Amino acid sequence: MTTRISTFPLRLPVSLKTALESIADRDGTSINQFLVVAAAEKIAVMQTEEFFLSRRNRVDLDAFRRILDRQGGEAPRAGDEWDRSETLAPAS
């Protein structure tokens, strides 16, 4: 499989370019490769956030409460308890 490549000029402040050169050198990569990986990581983070936001909007709170209230299983670990005074509502 061949990846199509696009190029474009990038304007960077000198201090940022200097930092990129140093970090890319320490990482054993070129500035180009470092920026490609950094962009890919940022895109992955933003797409993951979008995925979970879309899932959150489809939540079935009644089913969630039934699961939390069912009998059996292990007790929650310390710090994982559910404070029932808090309301569970999907974010808008």
N, C-alpha and C. Protein backbone atom coordinates (compact mmCIF):
# COMPACT_ATOMS: atom_id res chain seq x y z
N MET A 1 0.84 -1.18 0.00
CA MET A 1 0.00 0.00 0.00
C MET A 1 0.88 1.25 0.00
N THR A 2 0.58 2.18 -0.85
CA THR A 2 1.34 3.41 -0.95
C THR A 2 0.56 4.53 -0.30
N THR A 3 1.25 5.29 0.55
CA THR A 3 0.63 6.43 1.21
C THR A 3 0.90 7.67 0.38
N ARG A 4 -0.14 8.40 0.06
CA ARG A 4 0.05 9.65 -0.66
C ARG A 4 0.57 10.70 0.31
N ILE A 5 1.48 11.51 -0.14
CA ILE A 5 2.13 12.51 0.70
C ILE A 5 1.79 13.90 0.17
N SER A 6 1.55 14.80 1.10
CA SER A 6 1.31 16.20 0.76
C SER A 6 2.34 17.04 1.50
N THR A 7 2.78 18.10 0.89
CA THR A 7 3.74 18.98 1.56
C THR A 7 3.13 20.37 1.69
N PHE A 8 3.60 21.09 2.71
CA PHE A 8 3.21 22.48 2.87
C PHE A 8 4.26 23.19 3.72
N PRO A 9 4.45 24.49 3.48
CA PRO A 9 5.43 25.23 4.29
C PRO A 9 4.86 25.43 5.69
N LEU A 10 5.72 25.36 6.68
CA LEU A 10 5.30 25.53 8.07
C LEU A 10 6.13 26.65 8.68
N ARG A 11 5.45 27.62 9.21
CA ARG A 11 6.14 28.74 9.85
C ARG A 11 6.14 28.49 11.35
N LEU A 12 7.33 28.47 11.92
CA LEU A 12 7.49 28.23 13.35
C LEU A 12 8.31 29.35 13.98
N PRO A 13 7.97 29.74 15.20
CA PRO A 13 8.87 30.64 15.92
C PRO A 13 10.23 29.94 16.09
N VAL A 14 11.29 30.71 16.06
CA VAL A 14 12.63 30.14 16.16
C VAL A 14 12.78 29.29 17.42
N SER A 15 12.23 29.76 18.54
CA SER A 15 12.37 29.02 19.79
C SER A 15 11.68 27.65 19.71
N LEU A 16 10.55 27.58 19.03
CA LEU A 16 9.85 26.31 18.88
C LEU A 16 10.62 25.37 17.96
N LYS A 17 11.18 25.91 16.88
CA LYS A 17 11.99 25.09 15.97
C LYS A 17 13.21 24.53 16.69
N THR A 18 13.84 25.37 17.51
CA THR A 18 15.01 24.92 18.27
C THR A 18 14.64 23.79 19.21
N ALA A 19 13.51 23.94 19.90
CA ALA A 19 13.05 22.89 20.81
C ALA A 19 12.72 21.61 20.04
N LEU A 20 12.09 21.75 18.87
CA LEU A 20 11.77 20.58 18.04
C LEU A 20 13.03 19.86 17.58
N GLU A 21 14.02 20.62 17.17
CA GLU A 21 15.28 20.01 16.74
C GLU A 21 15.90 19.21 17.87
N SER A 22 15.91 19.78 19.05
CA SER A 22 16.50 19.12 20.20
C SER A 22 15.75 17.84 20.57
N ILE A 23 14.43 17.93 20.63
CA ILE A 23 13.62 16.77 21.02
C ILE A 23 13.66 15.69 19.95
N ALA A 24 13.57 16.08 18.69
CA ALA A 24 13.62 15.10 17.60
C ALA A 24 14.97 14.39 17.59
N ASP A 25 16.04 15.14 17.84
CA ASP A 25 17.36 14.53 17.90
C ASP A 25 17.45 13.53 19.06
N ARG A 26 16.95 13.93 20.20
CA ARG A 26 16.94 13.04 21.37
C ARG A 26 16.10 11.80 21.10
N ASP A 27 15.03 11.97 20.32
CA ASP A 27 14.12 10.86 19.97
C ASP A 27 14.69 10.00 18.84
N GLY A 28 15.74 10.50 18.20
CA GLY A 28 16.34 9.75 17.10
C GLY A 28 15.54 9.82 15.81
N THR A 29 14.78 10.90 15.64
CA THR A 29 13.96 11.06 14.44
C THR A 29 14.24 12.43 13.82
N SER A 30 13.71 12.61 12.64
CA SER A 30 13.80 13.93 12.00
C SER A 30 12.68 14.80 12.56
N ILE A 31 12.81 16.10 12.35
CA ILE A 31 11.75 17.02 12.77
C ILE A 31 10.45 16.64 12.05
N ASN A 32 10.56 16.32 10.78
CA ASN A 32 9.38 15.94 10.01
C ASN A 32 8.68 14.72 10.64
N GLN A 33 9.44 13.69 10.92
CA GLN A 33 8.86 12.48 11.50
C GLN A 33 8.26 12.78 12.86
N PHE A 34 8.96 13.58 13.66
CA PHE A 34 8.44 13.94 14.98
C PHE A 34 7.10 14.65 14.86
N LEU A 35 7.01 15.62 13.93
CA LEU A 35 5.76 16.36 13.74
C LEU A 35 4.65 15.47 13.19
N VAL A 36 4.98 14.54 12.31
CA VAL A 36 3.98 13.60 11.78
C VAL A 36 3.39 12.77 12.91
N VAL A 37 4.26 12.24 13.77
CA VAL A 37 3.79 11.43 14.90
C VAL A 37 2.98 12.28 15.87
N ALA A 38 3.45 13.50 16.15
CA ALA A 38 2.73 14.39 17.06
C ALA A 38 1.33 14.72 16.52
N ALA A 39 1.24 14.98 15.23
CA ALA A 39 -0.06 15.27 14.61
C ALA A 39 -0.97 14.05 14.67
N ALA A 40 -0.41 12.86 14.41
CA ALA A 40 -1.21 11.63 14.46
C ALA A 40 -1.73 11.38 15.87
N GLU A 41 -0.88 11.62 16.87
CA GLU A 41 -1.31 11.45 18.26
C GLU A 41 -2.44 12.42 18.61
N LYS A 42 -2.30 13.67 18.21
CA LYS A 42 -3.33 14.68 18.50
C LYS A 42 -4.64 14.32 17.81
N ILE A 43 -4.57 13.88 16.57
CA ILE A 43 -5.78 13.47 15.84
C ILE A 43 -6.44 12.30 16.55
N ALA A 44 -5.65 11.32 16.99
CA ALA A 44 -6.20 10.16 17.70
C ALA A 44 -6.91 10.59 18.98
N VAL A 45 -6.32 11.51 19.72
CA VAL A 45 -6.93 12.00 20.96
C VAL A 45 -8.26 12.68 20.67
N MET A 46 -8.29 13.53 19.66
CA MET A 46 -9.51 14.26 19.34
C MET A 46 -10.60 13.33 18.81
N GLN A 47 -10.23 12.34 18.01
CA GLN A 47 -11.21 11.38 17.51
C GLN A 47 -11.74 10.49 18.64
N THR A 48 -10.88 10.14 19.59
CA THR A 48 -11.31 9.35 20.73
C THR A 48 -12.30 10.15 21.58
N GLU A 49 -12.00 11.41 21.80
CA GLU A 49 -12.91 12.27 22.56
C GLU A 49 -14.27 12.34 21.86
N GLU A 50 -14.25 12.52 20.56
CA GLU A 50 -15.49 12.59 19.77
C GLU A 50 -16.28 11.28 19.89
N PHE A 51 -15.58 10.15 19.85
CA PHE A 51 -16.23 8.85 19.98
C PHE A 51 -16.95 8.73 21.32
N PHE A 52 -16.23 9.07 22.41
CA PHE A 52 -16.84 8.93 23.73
C PHE A 52 -17.95 9.94 23.96
N LEU A 53 -17.85 11.13 23.39
CA LEU A 53 -18.94 12.10 23.50
C LEU A 53 -20.19 11.59 22.80
N SER A 54 -20.02 10.97 21.64
CA SER A 54 -21.18 10.43 20.92
C SER A 54 -21.79 9.27 21.70
N ARG A 55 -20.96 8.44 22.34
CA ARG A 55 -21.47 7.34 23.15
C ARG A 55 -22.21 7.86 24.38
N ARG A 56 -21.67 8.92 24.99
CA ARG A 56 -22.30 9.49 26.18
C ARG A 56 -23.71 9.99 25.85
N ASN A 57 -23.90 10.52 24.69
CA ASN A 57 -25.20 11.06 24.32
C ASN A 57 -26.24 9.96 24.06
N ARG A 58 -25.79 8.70 23.96
CA ARG A 58 -26.72 7.59 23.74
C ARG A 58 -26.96 6.79 25.01
N VAL A 59 -26.49 7.29 26.16
CA VAL A 59 -26.56 6.53 27.41
C VAL A 59 -28.00 6.23 27.82
N ASP A 60 -28.20 5.05 28.36
CA ASP A 60 -29.49 4.65 28.94
C ASP A 60 -29.30 4.64 30.45
N LEU A 61 -29.65 5.76 31.11
CA LEU A 61 -29.40 5.89 32.54
C LEU A 61 -30.18 4.87 33.37
N ASP A 62 -31.37 4.50 32.93
CA ASP A 62 -32.13 3.49 33.68
C ASP A 62 -31.40 2.15 33.67
N ALA A 63 -30.87 1.75 32.52
CA ALA A 63 -30.12 0.50 32.44
C ALA A 63 -28.84 0.60 33.27
N PHE A 64 -28.21 1.75 33.25
CA PHE A 64 -26.99 1.96 34.04
C PHE A 64 -27.28 1.79 35.53
N ARG A 65 -28.37 2.39 35.99
CA ARG A 65 -28.73 2.27 37.42
C ARG A 65 -29.08 0.83 37.78
N ARG A 66 -29.75 0.13 36.87
CA ARG A 66 -30.06 -1.29 37.15
C ARG A 66 -28.79 -2.11 37.31
N ILE A 67 -27.81 -1.85 36.48
CA ILE A 67 -26.54 -2.57 36.57
C ILE A 67 -25.85 -2.24 37.89
N LEU A 68 -25.82 -0.97 38.27
CA LEU A 68 -25.17 -0.59 39.51
C LEU A 68 -25.88 -1.15 40.74
N ASP A 69 -27.19 -1.29 40.65
CA ASP A 69 -27.97 -1.73 41.80
C ASP A 69 -28.16 -3.24 41.89
N ARG A 70 -27.68 -4.00 40.91
CA ARG A 70 -27.92 -5.44 40.93
C ARG A 70 -27.17 -6.10 42.10
N GLN A 71 -27.69 -7.22 42.52
CA GLN A 71 -27.10 -7.96 43.63
C GLN A 71 -25.96 -8.83 43.13
N GLY A 72 -25.05 -9.16 44.05
CA GLY A 72 -23.95 -10.05 43.70
C GLY A 72 -22.72 -9.29 43.28
N GLY A 73 -21.70 -10.05 42.95
CA GLY A 73 -20.46 -9.43 42.54
C GLY A 73 -19.67 -8.92 43.73
N GLU A 74 -18.61 -8.21 43.44
CA GLU A 74 -17.75 -7.66 44.47
C GLU A 74 -18.22 -6.27 44.87
N ALA A 75 -17.92 -5.93 46.11
CA ALA A 75 -18.19 -4.56 46.56
C ALA A 75 -17.21 -3.62 45.83
N PRO A 76 -17.58 -2.37 45.64
CA PRO A 76 -16.66 -1.43 44.99
C PRO A 76 -15.35 -1.31 45.77
N ARG A 77 -14.28 -1.13 45.07
CA ARG A 77 -13.00 -0.89 45.71
C ARG A 77 -13.00 0.51 46.31
N ALA A 78 -12.12 0.74 47.25
CA ALA A 78 -12.02 2.05 47.90
C ALA A 78 -11.85 3.14 46.84
N GLY A 79 -12.68 4.15 46.92
CA GLY A 79 -12.64 5.25 45.97
C GLY A 79 -13.57 5.07 44.77
N ASP A 80 -14.12 3.85 44.60
CA ASP A 80 -15.02 3.59 43.48
C ASP A 80 -16.49 3.58 43.88
N GLU A 81 -16.76 3.93 45.13
CA GLU A 81 -18.15 3.92 45.60
C GLU A 81 -18.95 4.97 44.84
N TRP A 82 -20.25 4.70 44.72
CA TRP A 82 -21.15 5.63 44.05
C TRP A 82 -21.83 6.48 45.10
N ASP A 83 -21.66 7.79 45.02
CA ASP A 83 -22.33 8.71 45.93
C ASP A 83 -23.74 8.91 45.39
N ARG A 84 -24.71 8.28 46.02
CA ARG A 84 -26.08 8.31 45.52
C ARG A 84 -26.73 9.68 45.64
N SER A 85 -26.08 10.61 46.33
CA SER A 85 -26.65 11.96 46.41
C SER A 85 -26.40 12.72 45.11
N GLU A 86 -25.43 12.25 44.32
CA GLU A 86 -25.16 12.89 43.03
C GLU A 86 -26.16 12.39 42.01
N THR A 87 -26.57 13.27 41.13
CA THR A 87 -27.50 12.86 40.10
C THR A 87 -26.74 12.34 38.90
N LEU A 88 -27.33 11.39 38.22
CA LEU A 88 -26.75 10.87 36.98
C LEU A 88 -27.57 11.41 35.83
N ALA A 89 -26.97 12.26 35.06
CA ALA A 89 -27.66 12.81 33.90
C ALA A 89 -26.66 12.97 32.78
N PRO A 90 -27.11 12.68 31.57
CA PRO A 90 -26.18 12.87 30.46
C PRO A 90 -25.84 14.34 30.31
N ALA A 91 -24.62 14.62 29.94
CA ALA A 91 -24.22 16.00 29.71
C ALA A 91 -24.90 16.50 28.45
N SER A 92 -25.20 17.77 28.46
CA SER A 92 -25.88 18.34 27.29
C SER A 92 -24.91 18.92 26.32
